[in-house]
Protein backbone atom coordinates (compact mmCIF):
# COMPACT_ATOMS: atom_id res chain seq x y z
CA MET A 1 -27.93 -43.15 81.94
CA PHE A 2 -26.60 -40.82 79.30
CA THR A 3 -24.22 -40.99 76.38
CA LEU A 4 -21.39 -38.57 75.80
CA ILE A 5 -20.98 -37.61 72.15
CA ASN A 6 -17.56 -36.55 70.88
CA ALA A 7 -18.23 -33.42 68.81
CA ASP A 8 -14.65 -33.41 67.51
CA ALA A 9 -14.90 -36.90 66.00
CA ASP A 10 -15.35 -37.50 62.28
CA ASP A 11 -18.26 -39.87 62.96
CA ASP A 12 -21.34 -37.86 64.03
CA ASP A 13 -22.35 -40.49 66.60
CA ALA A 14 -18.92 -41.15 68.10
CA GLU A 15 -19.26 -41.79 71.82
CA ILE A 16 -16.65 -40.67 74.31
CA THR A 17 -15.48 -43.86 75.99
CA ASP A 18 -11.91 -43.04 76.97
CA PRO A 19 -11.81 -42.50 80.75
CA GLN A 20 -9.26 -39.70 80.37
CA GLU A 21 -11.51 -37.79 77.94
CA ILE A 22 -14.51 -38.27 80.24
CA ALA A 23 -12.50 -36.99 83.22
CA GLU A 24 -11.33 -33.95 81.24
CA LEU A 25 -14.90 -33.18 80.17
CA PHE A 26 -16.26 -33.33 83.71
CA ALA A 27 -13.33 -31.28 85.01
CA ALA A 28 -14.15 -28.60 82.44
CA ILE A 29 -17.83 -28.67 83.44
CA ALA A 30 -16.90 -28.38 87.12
CA ALA A 31 -14.53 -25.48 86.44
CA VAL A 32 -17.24 -23.54 84.59
CA ALA A 33 -19.80 -24.26 87.32
CA ILE A 34 -17.41 -23.17 90.08
CA GLU A 35 -16.61 -19.96 88.24
CA ALA A 36 -20.25 -19.22 87.42
CA ILE A 37 -21.99 -20.06 90.70
CA GLY A 38 -19.20 -20.47 93.24
CA PRO A 39 -17.72 -23.54 94.87
CA ASP A 40 -20.41 -24.04 97.53
CA GLN A 41 -23.34 -23.94 95.12
CA ALA A 42 -21.44 -26.03 92.57
CA ARG A 43 -20.87 -28.68 95.26
CA GLU A 44 -24.59 -28.70 96.11
CA LEU A 45 -25.44 -28.98 92.41
CA PHE A 46 -23.09 -31.92 91.82
CA ASP A 47 -24.24 -33.64 95.02
CA ALA A 48 -27.84 -33.35 93.81
CA VAL A 49 -26.89 -34.83 90.43
CA VAL A 50 -25.16 -37.78 92.09
CA GLU A 51 -28.21 -38.38 94.30
CA GLN A 52 -30.38 -38.75 91.17
CA GLU A 53 -28.64 -42.09 90.40
CA GLY A 54 -29.91 -42.10 86.84
CA ARG A 55 -33.52 -41.27 87.73
CA GLU A 56 -35.45 -38.86 85.58
CA PRO A 57 -35.73 -35.39 87.15
CA ASN A 58 -39.16 -34.29 88.32
């Protein structure tokens, strides 16, 4: 489990809880990953993250 922190908020510990903001954040992350490593490798990366199901990485 992780917490998303809203860097634009006045409160330093403001969490991002709005589903639209969370979707926009992940879309931006995906766009950068696709541009940087290509769609196939980005897909493998995101599939691996989903498979973690909140477990700590080795």
